[in-house]
Amino acid sequence: MRATTHLLRQRLREYHRIDEAQVIEQLIPLARFTPSEQQGIRERATPLVQTVRDSRLKSGGIDAFLTTYDLSSREGVVLMCLAEALLRIPDAATVDRLIRDKIGSTEWEKRLGTSHSTFVNAGTWALMLTGRIVNLDNEDRNLRGTLKRLVARTGEPVIRQAVITAMRILGKQFVMGRNIHEALERARSAEKAGYRHSYDMLGESARSSADALRYFESYRAAIRAIGDAAAGRPAYEAPSISIKLSALHPRYEVANEGRVRHELWPVVKELALHAKARNIGFTIDAEEVDRLEMSLDLIEALATDAELAGWNGLGLAVQAYQKRALPLIDWLTDLAHRADRRLMVRLCKGAYWDAEIKLAQERGLRDYPVFTRKASSDLSYLACARRLFDHPEAFYPAFATHNAHTLAAVAEIAISAGGSDEWEYQRLHGMGEELYDQIVGEDKLGRACRVYAPVGSHEDLLAYLVRRLLENGANSSFVNRIADASLPIDALLSDPVDRTAALAIKRQPRIPLPRDLFGAERINSLPPIRFRPPGRTWAEAVR
């Protein structure tokens, strides 16, 4: 058994930056559907897409906002820059300069009236007005006098505060509540409709021990409140919590693995023991790929710990856009059997793609740890979903997606695997309501869906908000493409196996390998050589 475990872990490392074409060739037969399965997927997904499109014409909220200000537009880029920078600028003068630079130079009026959503149009009016106020030199004659009087009456500080307030309103579309009690209260109506929730206390990459302690206390208080709200329900049905390891240690980095091993382990174990005592789910979120090995060592230690035995609430997120996603599931299967437990696994496509590509280029690595094509990530997701259903004794799987084809494909895989009901969908709070409102509920398809619900103030929203804008504002995202009425539904529901197989070049040719970033001019800088010292695993070391 030990030899098998070692080989699975070694295979996981070998796939870290494996050639993309090689791994795709392996994934295609695993993700391919029979003609009857493909027909079932289309029949299930087509009405879902049509209903979402119809509702988009009259709905509001963040989905409509992202559709209007997608990242292919100048306005979308400006909005993302504001979300990324505005709330962390320390002084008012710099905020004023940012507003002049980013809002004042953008022609927001061109977007006015292009959406049926009151939320979007109201936001456009505010941004258009702000842009004109802070860029008076470019005013047209009709508004110059009125705006000058308004500026004289209010001043730029008032405008600055208005923009900050607008960003907070945008943030509320993503955040379930300012604290766990507010979030639990807000979730009641959705739970009555059949939804479940996994609460994420916003906070990432603690910069100091004080930050880490604050996040720890936040997690501990949330577990207590969630446990009370669970009211004795089984772990799979009860509300759960998601934690980020980077929030619990200020040096959660590979270079500090030894220190992290000794300092982070007792902290995470204490939180896990609290979750076990209340029989709620406890999911460790995925982060950047360089941190995966450390997180797996810790998960292995938790899974095999005697004090946590007999509890099936332990879980983790798996990112399908990583080339090693399938080997990771194979390793987790072995871990579940060794630990004699069932792991909760949230399968997602991944939210750090831009950062992973950039980091690999900066370091001059031999290849990327993630797929360079969206279709390849979709392909990996379906192969991973099939592998999870192959081992019902090892996993309680959750499938996080806003893509109607993926949603329908997962249901088809479940049927082919024997029709087990012990699995669920997941979606982000504030997104995908129209899609999942057709799924959840006894009078609908009756399938459970858990909402990933961030909790916290706007100060902690920054990193999460930027990831959501990047992930769902991208041109290739389903959230973006479904709103394009000129795009046929069949194009939205194309099989990723067919899309991938049709590509003559498996890797995206417009994204050169990191070492070839400068073309024929010179080879990119080589990364420093790092050696992982031989010895015991983390699970063995913490004993």
Protein backbone atom coordinates (compact mmCIF):
# COMPACT_ATOMS: atom_id res chain seq x y z
CA MET A 1 0.00 0.00 0.00
CA ARG A 2 2.82 2.38 0.89
CA ALA A 3 4.52 1.76 -2.46
CA THR A 4 1.27 2.45 -4.33
CA THR A 5 0.76 5.68 -2.41
CA HIS A 6 4.29 6.80 -3.23
CA LEU A 7 3.82 6.08 -6.93
CA LEU A 8 0.54 8.02 -7.03
CA ARG A 9 2.19 11.01 -5.40
CA GLN A 10 5.12 10.80 -7.80
CA ARG A 11 2.73 10.71 -10.78
CA LEU A 12 1.01 13.79 -9.39
CA ARG A 13 4.34 15.64 -9.44
CA GLU A 14 5.20 14.44 -12.94
CA TYR A 15 1.97 15.93 -14.28
CA HIS A 16 2.61 19.34 -12.74
CA ARG A 17 3.92 20.88 -15.97
CA ILE A 18 3.44 18.01 -18.38
CA ASP A 19 3.12 18.70 -22.11
CA GLU A 20 -0.44 19.85 -22.74
CA ALA A 21 -1.01 17.74 -25.86
CA GLN A 22 0.10 14.62 -24.02
CA VAL A 23 -2.37 14.98 -21.17
CA ILE A 24 -5.23 15.98 -23.50
CA GLU A 25 -4.75 12.77 -25.48
CA GLN A 26 -5.19 10.86 -22.24
CA LEU A 27 -8.26 12.82 -21.18
CA ILE A 28 -10.26 12.60 -24.42
CA PRO A 29 -11.32 8.92 -24.11
CA LEU A 30 -12.19 9.47 -20.43
CA ALA A 31 -14.43 12.46 -21.20
CA ARG A 32 -16.04 11.19 -24.41
CA PHE A 33 -19.79 10.58 -24.37
CA THR A 34 -21.74 8.06 -26.41
CA PRO A 35 -24.20 9.44 -29.01
CA SER A 36 -27.14 8.66 -26.72
CA GLU A 37 -25.42 10.44 -23.80
CA GLN A 38 -24.74 13.47 -26.00
CA GLN A 39 -28.39 13.56 -26.99
CA GLY A 40 -29.41 13.39 -23.34
CA ILE A 41 -27.09 16.28 -22.49
CA ARG A 42 -28.51 18.47 -25.27
CA GLU A 43 -32.10 17.68 -24.31
CA ARG A 44 -31.39 18.54 -20.68
CA ALA A 45 -29.30 21.65 -21.30
CA THR A 46 -31.20 23.36 -24.14
CA PRO A 47 -34.28 24.44 -22.12
CA LEU A 48 -31.98 25.56 -19.30
CA VAL A 49 -30.08 27.89 -21.63
CA GLN A 50 -33.24 29.22 -23.26
CA THR A 51 -34.81 30.03 -19.90
CA VAL A 52 -31.66 31.80 -18.72
CA ARG A 53 -31.56 33.88 -21.90
CA ASP A 54 -35.21 34.83 -21.57
CA SER A 55 -34.79 35.83 -17.94
CA ARG A 56 -31.67 37.87 -18.71
CA LEU A 57 -33.75 40.27 -20.77
CA LYS A 58 -35.57 41.38 -17.65
CA SER A 59 -33.23 40.48 -14.80
CA GLY A 60 -30.71 42.61 -12.96
CA GLY A 61 -27.87 41.95 -10.59
CA ILE A 62 -24.27 41.16 -11.20
CA ASP A 63 -24.83 38.80 -14.14
CA ALA A 64 -26.38 41.64 -16.13
CA PHE A 65 -23.67 44.03 -14.98
CA LEU A 66 -20.88 41.72 -16.15
CA THR A 67 -22.67 41.22 -19.46
CA THR A 68 -22.75 44.97 -20.07
CA TYR A 69 -19.20 45.61 -18.84
CA ASP A 70 -17.38 42.52 -20.11
CA LEU A 71 -13.59 42.51 -20.04
CA SER A 72 -13.36 42.90 -23.80
CA SER A 73 -14.62 46.47 -23.40
CA ARG A 74 -12.66 49.47 -22.20
CA GLU A 75 -15.28 50.09 -19.54
CA GLY A 76 -14.96 46.53 -18.25
CA VAL A 77 -11.21 46.90 -17.86
CA VAL A 78 -11.65 50.21 -16.04
CA LEU A 79 -14.20 48.68 -13.70
CA MET A 80 -11.83 45.83 -12.88
CA CYS A 81 -9.00 48.27 -12.21
CA LEU A 82 -11.21 50.17 -9.81
CA ALA A 83 -12.27 47.02 -8.01
CA GLU A 84 -8.65 45.97 -7.68
CA ALA A 85 -7.25 49.31 -6.55
CA LEU A 86 -9.82 51.67 -5.11
CA LEU A 87 -10.44 50.09 -1.73
CA ARG A 88 -6.77 49.72 -0.85
CA ILE A 89 -5.59 53.23 -1.68
CA PRO A 90 -4.53 54.89 1.59
CA ASP A 91 -5.09 58.57 0.83
CA ALA A 92 -7.84 60.70 -0.67
CA ALA A 93 -5.60 62.56 -3.13
CA THR A 94 -4.52 59.35 -4.84
CA VAL A 95 -8.13 58.17 -5.00
CA ASP A 96 -9.06 61.41 -6.76
CA ARG A 97 -6.24 60.92 -9.26
CA LEU A 98 -7.37 57.33 -9.92
CA ILE A 99 -10.94 58.47 -10.55
CA ARG A 100 -9.73 61.12 -13.00
CA ASP A 101 -7.53 58.62 -14.80
CA LYS A 102 -9.85 55.63 -14.96
CA ILE A 103 -13.37 56.98 -14.91
CA GLY A 104 -12.91 60.42 -16.34
CA SER A 105 -11.37 59.13 -19.58
CA THR A 106 -14.02 56.50 -20.35
CA GLU A 107 -17.09 57.13 -22.50
CA TRP A 108 -19.66 55.53 -20.22
CA GLU A 109 -22.53 57.18 -22.06
CA LYS A 110 -22.02 54.77 -24.97
CA ARG A 111 -23.21 51.98 -22.66
CA LEU A 112 -26.30 53.82 -21.50
CA GLY A 113 -29.52 52.12 -22.45
CA THR A 114 -27.86 48.97 -23.78
CA SER A 115 -29.21 46.87 -20.92
CA HIS A 116 -32.78 46.28 -19.74
CA SER A 117 -31.53 46.01 -16.18
CA THR A 118 -32.26 48.97 -13.93
CA PHE A 119 -29.18 48.01 -11.89
CA VAL A 120 -26.91 48.31 -14.92
CA ASN A 121 -28.44 51.50 -16.28
CA ALA A 122 -28.40 53.19 -12.90
CA GLY A 123 -24.76 52.24 -12.54
CA THR A 124 -24.04 53.59 -16.02
CA TRP A 125 -25.66 56.92 -15.20
CA ALA A 126 -23.55 57.23 -12.05
CA LEU A 127 -20.31 56.32 -13.79
CA MET A 128 -21.09 58.56 -16.76
CA LEU A 129 -21.85 61.49 -14.48
CA THR A 130 -18.73 60.89 -12.42
CA GLY A 131 -16.62 60.65 -15.53
CA ARG A 132 -17.87 63.97 -16.76
CA ILE A 133 -17.42 65.71 -13.43
CA VAL A 134 -13.79 64.75 -12.98
CA ASN A 135 -12.85 65.46 -16.59
CA LEU A 136 -14.33 68.91 -17.11
CA ASP A 137 -11.89 69.90 -19.82
CA ASN A 138 -13.62 67.49 -22.18
CA GLU A 139 -17.20 68.55 -21.40
CA ASP A 140 -19.59 69.19 -24.21
CA ARG A 141 -21.26 72.60 -24.22
CA ASN A 142 -24.71 71.36 -23.20
CA LEU A 143 -23.60 70.05 -19.83
CA ARG A 144 -20.63 72.25 -18.98
CA GLY A 145 -22.53 74.85 -16.97
CA THR A 146 -24.63 72.37 -15.00
CA LEU A 147 -21.67 70.20 -14.13
CA LYS A 148 -19.51 73.11 -13.08
CA ARG A 149 -22.20 74.21 -10.65
CA LEU A 150 -22.50 70.67 -9.32
CA VAL A 151 -18.74 70.42 -8.76
CA ALA A 152 -18.72 73.77 -6.99
CA ARG A 153 -21.55 72.61 -4.76
CA THR A 154 -20.18 69.15 -3.89
CA GLY A 155 -16.50 68.86 -4.75
CA GLU A 156 -14.42 65.86 -5.70
CA PRO A 157 -14.33 64.31 -2.19
CA VAL A 158 -18.09 63.79 -2.38
CA ILE A 159 -17.73 62.21 -5.78
CA ARG A 160 -14.96 60.00 -4.47
CA GLN A 161 -17.20 58.78 -1.67
CA ALA A 162 -20.00 58.13 -4.14
CA VAL A 163 -17.74 55.92 -6.24
CA ILE A 164 -16.56 54.00 -3.16
CA THR A 165 -20.19 53.52 -2.19
CA ALA A 166 -20.92 52.21 -5.69
CA MET A 167 -18.11 49.69 -5.34
CA ARG A 168 -19.55 48.54 -2.01
CA ILE A 169 -22.94 48.05 -3.67
CA LEU A 170 -21.21 45.97 -6.34
CA GLY A 171 -19.54 43.97 -3.59
CA LYS A 172 -22.87 43.16 -1.95
CA GLN A 173 -23.80 41.25 -5.08
CA PHE A 174 -21.04 38.80 -4.18
CA VAL A 175 -21.15 38.81 -0.36
CA MET A 176 -23.79 36.94 1.64
CA GLY A 177 -23.49 39.08 4.73
CA ARG A 178 -21.17 41.29 6.75
CA ASN A 179 -20.92 38.64 9.44
CA ILE A 180 -21.89 35.00 9.79
CA HIS A 181 -25.12 35.72 11.65
CA GLU A 182 -26.32 38.11 8.95
CA ALA A 183 -25.38 35.57 6.28
CA LEU A 184 -27.22 32.72 8.01
CA GLU A 185 -30.30 34.88 8.34
CA ARG A 186 -30.16 35.89 4.68
CA ALA A 187 -29.78 32.26 3.64
CA ARG A 188 -33.01 31.09 5.25
CA SER A 189 -35.27 31.81 2.30
CA ALA A 190 -32.91 30.07 -0.12
CA GLU A 191 -32.71 27.03 2.17
CA LYS A 192 -36.49 26.80 2.18
CA ALA A 193 -36.31 26.64 -1.62
CA GLY A 194 -33.88 23.72 -1.39
CA TYR A 195 -30.44 25.35 -1.47
CA ARG A 196 -27.56 24.55 0.85
CA HIS A 197 -24.68 26.87 1.71
CA SER A 198 -20.94 26.74 2.29
CA TYR A 199 -19.75 29.87 4.06
CA ASP A 200 -16.39 31.42 3.26
CA MET A 201 -15.10 33.97 5.76
CA LEU A 202 -13.40 36.45 3.44
CA GLY A 203 -9.72 36.77 4.10
CA GLU A 204 -6.76 35.56 2.11
CA SER A 205 -2.98 35.60 2.41
CA ALA A 206 -2.59 36.84 5.97
CA ARG A 207 0.28 39.32 6.07
CA SER A 208 0.96 39.08 9.78
CA SER A 209 0.39 36.82 12.75
CA ALA A 210 -2.28 39.26 13.90
CA ASP A 211 -4.12 38.78 10.59
CA ALA A 212 -3.88 35.00 10.90
CA LEU A 213 -5.21 35.07 14.46
CA ARG A 214 -8.11 37.31 13.41
CA TYR A 215 -9.05 34.93 10.59
CA PHE A 216 -8.75 31.93 12.93
CA GLU A 217 -11.15 33.50 15.40
CA SER A 218 -13.49 34.35 12.53
CA TYR A 219 -13.48 30.74 11.34
CA ARG A 220 -13.99 29.38 14.84
CA ALA A 221 -16.93 31.67 15.54
CA ALA A 222 -18.44 30.81 12.16
CA ILE A 223 -18.16 27.06 12.81
CA ARG A 224 -20.00 27.54 16.09
CA ALA A 225 -22.80 29.54 14.44
CA ILE A 226 -23.07 27.20 11.45
CA GLY A 227 -23.20 24.20 13.79
CA ASP A 228 -26.09 25.77 15.66
CA ALA A 229 -27.89 26.45 12.37
CA ALA A 230 -27.29 22.87 11.21
CA ALA A 231 -29.60 21.66 13.97
CA GLY A 232 -28.37 18.09 13.87
CA ARG A 233 -28.75 17.53 10.13
CA PRO A 234 -26.32 15.11 8.41
CA ALA A 235 -23.05 16.69 7.31
CA TYR A 236 -23.91 16.37 3.61
CA GLU A 237 -27.18 18.24 4.06
CA ALA A 238 -26.14 20.79 6.68
CA PRO A 239 -24.52 24.17 5.96
CA SER A 240 -20.74 23.96 5.86
CA ILE A 241 -17.64 26.11 6.02
CA SER A 242 -14.79 26.67 3.55
CA ILE A 243 -11.38 27.77 4.77
CA LYS A 244 -8.26 29.11 3.10
CA LEU A 245 -4.94 27.96 4.50
CA SER A 246 -3.23 31.16 3.38
CA ALA A 247 -5.52 33.08 5.71
CA LEU A 248 -4.30 31.07 8.70
CA HIS A 249 -0.56 31.56 8.30
CA PRO A 250 1.37 34.68 7.18
CA ARG A 251 4.11 32.61 5.47
CA TYR A 252 2.12 29.91 3.73
CA GLU A 253 4.79 29.44 1.06
CA VAL A 254 6.90 26.57 -0.22
CA ALA A 255 10.07 28.30 0.96
CA ASN A 256 8.76 28.15 4.54
CA GLU A 257 7.39 24.61 4.42
CA GLY A 258 9.11 23.52 7.62
CA ARG A 259 7.78 26.43 9.61
CA VAL A 260 4.31 26.08 8.14
CA ARG A 261 4.25 22.37 8.95
CA HIS A 262 4.72 22.98 12.66
CA GLU A 263 2.70 26.17 13.06
CA LEU A 264 -0.28 25.65 10.75
CA TRP A 265 -1.09 22.03 11.55
CA PRO A 266 -2.38 22.55 15.14
CA VAL A 267 -4.44 25.55 14.03
CA VAL A 268 -6.21 23.70 11.22
CA LYS A 269 -6.69 20.58 13.31
CA GLU A 270 -8.37 22.61 16.06
CA LEU A 271 -10.82 24.07 13.54
CA ALA A 272 -11.46 20.60 12.09
CA LEU A 273 -12.18 19.23 15.56
CA HIS A 274 -14.71 22.03 16.11
CA ALA A 275 -16.38 21.14 12.78
CA LYS A 276 -16.42 17.44 13.66
CA ALA A 277 -18.01 18.17 17.03
CA ARG A 278 -20.86 19.93 15.21
CA ASN A 279 -20.92 17.44 12.30
CA ILE A 280 -20.65 20.04 9.55
CA GLY A 281 -18.66 20.02 6.33
CA PHE A 282 -15.14 21.46 6.46
CA THR A 283 -13.70 22.18 3.00
CA ILE A 284 -10.16 23.38 2.36
CA ASP A 285 -10.23 25.74 -0.61
CA ALA A 286 -7.78 25.45 -3.50
CA GLU A 287 -5.30 28.24 -4.06
CA GLU A 288 -2.27 28.77 -6.29
CA VAL A 289 -0.77 25.59 -7.75
CA ASP A 290 2.58 25.99 -5.99
CA ARG A 291 0.80 25.46 -2.68
CA LEU A 292 -0.93 22.22 -3.65
CA GLU A 293 1.73 19.86 -2.29
CA MET A 294 1.69 21.55 1.11
CA SER A 295 -2.09 21.48 1.28
CA LEU A 296 -2.16 17.78 0.35
CA ASP A 297 0.28 16.97 3.14
CA LEU A 298 -1.99 18.72 5.59
CA ILE A 299 -5.15 17.08 4.22
CA GLU A 300 -3.47 13.69 4.49
CA ALA A 301 -2.61 14.43 8.12
CA LEU A 302 -6.19 15.43 8.86
CA ALA A 303 -7.68 12.43 7.05
CA THR A 304 -5.52 9.93 8.92
CA ASP A 305 -5.70 11.59 12.35
CA ALA A 306 -7.25 9.32 14.99
CA GLU A 307 -9.15 12.16 16.67
CA LEU A 308 -10.93 12.97 13.40
CA ALA A 309 -11.87 9.38 12.57
CA GLY A 310 -15.53 8.57 11.96
CA TRP A 311 -16.34 11.99 10.53
CA ASN A 312 -17.09 12.37 6.82
CA GLY A 313 -17.17 16.16 6.75
CA LEU A 314 -13.55 16.66 5.69
CA GLY A 315 -13.22 17.97 2.15
CA LEU A 316 -11.18 19.93 -0.35
CA ALA A 317 -11.50 21.71 -3.69
CA VAL A 318 -9.92 20.29 -6.86
CA GLN A 319 -9.14 22.61 -9.79
CA ALA A 320 -9.79 20.97 -13.15
CA TYR A 321 -7.70 23.53 -15.03
CA GLN A 322 -4.59 21.99 -13.51
CA LYS A 323 -2.96 19.36 -15.72
CA ARG A 324 -2.55 17.11 -12.66
CA ALA A 325 -6.23 17.20 -11.64
CA LEU A 326 -6.93 13.60 -12.61
CA PRO A 327 -3.80 12.18 -10.91
CA LEU A 328 -4.83 14.21 -7.86
CA ILE A 329 -8.19 12.44 -7.74
CA ASP A 330 -6.40 9.10 -8.02
CA TRP A 331 -4.22 10.03 -5.04
CA LEU A 332 -7.28 11.17 -3.07
CA THR A 333 -8.99 7.85 -3.82
CA ASP A 334 -6.04 6.05 -2.26
CA LEU A 335 -6.10 8.43 0.71
CA ALA A 336 -9.81 7.86 1.33
CA HIS A 337 -9.26 4.10 1.36
CA ARG A 338 -6.23 4.35 3.65
CA ALA A 339 -8.07 6.64 6.05
CA ASP A 340 -11.28 4.60 5.86
CA ARG A 341 -13.34 7.73 5.24
CA ARG A 342 -15.36 9.41 2.53
CA LEU A 343 -13.95 12.75 1.38
CA MET A 344 -16.09 15.68 0.26
CA VAL A 345 -14.60 16.94 -3.02
CA ARG A 346 -15.64 20.18 -4.70
CA LEU A 347 -14.69 19.99 -8.38
CA CYS A 348 -14.25 23.47 -9.87
CA LYS A 349 -12.56 24.71 -13.01
CA GLY A 350 -10.24 27.15 -11.24
CA ALA A 351 -10.04 30.88 -10.58
CA TYR A 352 -6.32 31.79 -10.73
CA TRP A 353 -5.67 31.13 -14.42
CA ASP A 354 -4.31 34.58 -15.26
CA ALA A 355 -1.95 34.53 -12.27
CA GLU A 356 -0.69 31.02 -13.02
CA ILE A 357 0.13 31.92 -16.62
CA LYS A 358 1.92 35.09 -15.56
CA LEU A 359 3.92 33.44 -12.77
CA ALA A 360 5.12 30.67 -15.08
CA GLN A 361 6.25 33.29 -17.61
CA GLU A 362 8.04 35.34 -14.96
CA ARG A 363 9.97 32.26 -13.80
CA GLY A 364 10.82 30.99 -17.26
CA LEU A 365 9.43 27.54 -16.48
CA ARG A 366 9.45 24.74 -19.04
CA ASP A 367 5.63 24.66 -19.27
CA TYR A 368 2.44 25.86 -17.61
CA PRO A 369 0.74 24.06 -14.71
CA VAL A 370 -2.69 24.87 -16.20
CA PHE A 371 -4.29 24.30 -19.59
CA THR A 372 -3.99 27.18 -22.03
CA ARG A 373 -7.38 26.56 -23.66
CA LYS A 374 -10.81 26.81 -22.03
CA ALA A 375 -11.97 23.68 -23.92
CA SER A 376 -9.14 21.68 -22.37
CA SER A 377 -10.16 22.71 -18.86
CA ASP A 378 -13.74 21.65 -19.68
CA LEU A 379 -12.40 18.35 -20.95
CA SER A 380 -10.43 17.79 -17.76
CA TYR A 381 -13.49 18.66 -15.67
CA LEU A 382 -15.61 15.97 -17.31
CA ALA A 383 -12.88 13.34 -17.01
CA CYS A 384 -12.50 14.20 -13.31
CA ALA A 385 -16.27 14.06 -12.79
CA ARG A 386 -16.41 10.58 -14.27
CA ARG A 387 -13.53 9.45 -12.04
CA LEU A 388 -15.26 10.81 -8.92
CA PHE A 389 -18.43 8.88 -9.75
CA ASP A 390 -16.31 5.75 -10.26
CA HIS A 391 -15.52 5.74 -6.53
CA PRO A 392 -18.70 6.48 -4.55
CA GLU A 393 -17.21 4.77 -1.50
CA ALA A 394 -14.37 7.33 -1.46
CA PHE A 395 -16.11 10.59 -2.37
CA TYR A 396 -19.15 12.73 -1.81
CA PRO A 397 -18.65 14.90 -4.92
CA ALA A 398 -19.84 18.45 -5.48
CA PHE A 399 -19.72 19.98 -8.96
CA ALA A 400 -19.18 23.72 -9.03
CA THR A 401 -20.20 25.17 -12.40
CA HIS A 402 -22.27 27.89 -14.05
CA ASN A 403 -22.07 26.17 -17.43
CA ALA A 404 -25.30 24.53 -18.62
CA HIS A 405 -23.48 21.94 -20.74
CA THR A 406 -21.26 20.94 -17.80
CA LEU A 407 -24.27 20.81 -15.51
CA ALA A 408 -26.16 18.51 -17.89
CA ALA A 409 -23.07 16.41 -18.58
CA VAL A 410 -22.53 15.76 -14.87
CA ALA A 411 -26.15 14.57 -14.57
CA GLU A 412 -25.62 12.23 -17.53
CA ILE A 413 -22.42 10.84 -15.99
CA ALA A 414 -24.30 10.23 -12.72
CA ILE A 415 -26.95 8.24 -14.59
CA SER A 416 -24.31 6.19 -16.39
CA ALA A 417 -22.60 5.51 -13.05
CA GLY A 418 -25.74 4.03 -11.54
CA GLY A 419 -27.88 7.02 -10.66
CA SER A 420 -26.50 7.74 -7.17
CA ASP A 421 -28.20 10.63 -5.37
CA GLU A 422 -25.26 11.28 -3.04
CA TRP A 423 -23.76 14.26 -4.84
CA GLU A 424 -24.60 17.93 -5.37
CA TYR A 425 -24.04 20.97 -7.55
CA GLN A 426 -22.44 24.17 -6.31
CA ARG A 427 -22.58 27.75 -7.49
CA LEU A 428 -21.31 31.13 -6.38
CA HIS A 429 -23.53 33.46 -4.40
CA GLY A 430 -24.81 36.21 -6.67
CA MET A 431 -24.29 34.24 -9.86
CA GLY A 432 -26.10 31.48 -11.72
CA GLU A 433 -29.47 31.94 -10.00
CA GLU A 434 -31.47 31.69 -13.22
CA LEU A 435 -29.72 28.43 -14.14
CA TYR A 436 -30.06 26.68 -10.79
CA ASP A 437 -33.53 27.92 -9.98
CA GLN A 438 -34.59 25.46 -12.71
CA ILE A 439 -32.78 22.63 -10.93
CA VAL A 440 -33.31 23.06 -7.20
CA GLY A 441 -36.61 22.23 -5.54
CA GLU A 442 -38.92 19.25 -5.32
CA ASP A 443 -41.14 20.71 -8.03
CA LYS A 444 -38.10 21.15 -10.35
CA LEU A 445 -35.42 18.54 -11.04
CA GLY A 446 -34.92 18.02 -7.32
CA ARG A 447 -31.13 18.13 -7.40
CA ALA A 448 -29.30 19.71 -4.44
CA CYS A 449 -27.15 22.79 -4.98
CA ARG A 450 -24.84 24.36 -2.42
CA VAL A 451 -24.16 28.09 -2.67
CA TYR A 452 -20.59 29.21 -2.03
CA ALA A 453 -21.36 32.21 0.17
CA PRO A 454 -18.60 34.69 1.07
CA VAL A 455 -19.01 36.53 4.38
CA GLY A 456 -17.24 39.74 5.36
CA SER A 457 -16.94 43.48 4.96
CA HIS A 458 -16.02 45.26 1.77
CA GLU A 459 -12.42 45.67 2.99
CA ASP A 460 -11.96 41.89 2.74
CA LEU A 461 -13.75 41.57 -0.59
CA LEU A 462 -10.92 42.77 -2.83
CA ALA A 463 -9.15 39.55 -3.88
CA TYR A 464 -12.38 37.59 -4.20
CA LEU A 465 -14.07 40.30 -6.27
CA VAL A 466 -11.18 40.54 -8.72
CA ARG A 467 -11.17 36.76 -9.26
CA ARG A 468 -14.89 36.75 -9.97
CA LEU A 469 -14.58 39.63 -12.46
CA LEU A 470 -11.69 37.94 -14.24
CA GLU A 471 -13.30 34.52 -14.21
CA ASN A 472 -16.80 35.49 -15.30
CA GLY A 473 -16.05 38.60 -17.34
CA ALA A 474 -13.75 36.73 -19.71
CA ASN A 475 -14.94 36.35 -23.30
CA SER A 476 -14.70 32.55 -23.12
CA SER A 477 -16.79 32.19 -19.96
CA PHE A 478 -20.26 30.68 -20.20
CA VAL A 479 -21.66 33.55 -18.11
CA ASN A 480 -20.45 35.97 -20.78
CA ARG A 481 -21.34 33.92 -23.87
CA ILE A 482 -24.86 32.96 -22.83
CA ALA A 483 -25.93 36.61 -22.96
CA ASP A 484 -24.92 36.91 -26.63
CA ALA A 485 -28.24 36.41 -28.40
CA SER A 486 -26.45 36.10 -31.76
CA LEU A 487 -24.68 32.97 -30.54
CA PRO A 488 -26.72 29.83 -31.32
CA ILE A 489 -27.59 27.61 -28.38
CA ASP A 490 -25.89 24.69 -30.12
CA ALA A 491 -22.62 26.63 -30.01
CA LEU A 492 -22.99 27.05 -26.26
CA LEU A 493 -23.64 23.35 -25.83
CA SER A 494 -20.82 22.01 -27.97
CA ASP A 495 -19.00 19.01 -26.55
CA PRO A 496 -15.50 19.93 -25.24
CA VAL A 497 -14.22 16.61 -26.59
CA ASP A 498 -15.26 17.66 -30.10
CA ARG A 499 -13.88 21.17 -29.61
CA THR A 500 -10.54 19.89 -28.33
CA ALA A 501 -10.18 17.16 -30.96
CA ALA A 502 -10.86 19.72 -33.71
CA LEU A 503 -7.83 21.80 -32.70
CA ALA A 504 -4.80 21.03 -34.85
CA ILE A 505 -2.57 22.47 -32.12
CA LYS A 506 -3.50 21.36 -28.62
CA ARG A 507 -1.85 24.23 -26.79
CA GLN A 508 -3.02 27.79 -27.42
CA PRO A 509 -0.44 29.02 -29.98
CA ARG A 510 -0.85 32.65 -28.95
CA ILE A 511 0.47 31.76 -25.49
CA PRO A 512 4.13 30.80 -25.98
CA LEU A 513 5.83 28.48 -23.53
CA PRO A 514 7.36 30.47 -20.65
CA ARG A 515 10.92 29.86 -21.85
CA ASP A 516 9.94 31.09 -25.36
CA LEU A 517 8.31 34.29 -24.17
CA PHE A 518 10.77 36.48 -26.10
CA GLY A 519 10.69 34.44 -29.28
CA ALA A 520 13.94 34.03 -31.16
CA GLU A 521 15.57 36.98 -29.40
CA ARG A 522 16.63 35.04 -26.32
CA ILE A 523 15.57 32.29 -23.96
CA ASN A 524 13.60 33.48 -20.96
CA SER A 525 15.29 33.46 -17.57
CA LEU A 526 15.58 30.06 -15.92
CA PRO A 527 14.02 29.45 -12.50
CA PRO A 528 16.15 28.79 -9.42
CA ILE A 529 16.67 25.09 -8.69
CA ARG A 530 14.80 23.96 -5.62
CA PHE A 531 15.27 20.64 -3.93
CA ARG A 532 12.62 19.03 -1.79
CA PRO A 533 14.62 17.24 0.90
CA PRO A 534 13.85 13.54 1.32
CA GLY A 535 12.22 12.40 4.52
CA ARG A 536 8.90 11.85 6.12
CA THR A 537 5.66 13.24 4.78
CA TRP A 538 3.81 15.91 6.69
CA ALA A 539 1.29 13.33 7.88
CA GLU A 540 4.14 11.35 9.41
CA ALA A 541 5.96 14.38 10.78
CA VAL A 542 3.03 15.72 12.80
CA ARG A 543 2.51 12.44 14.61
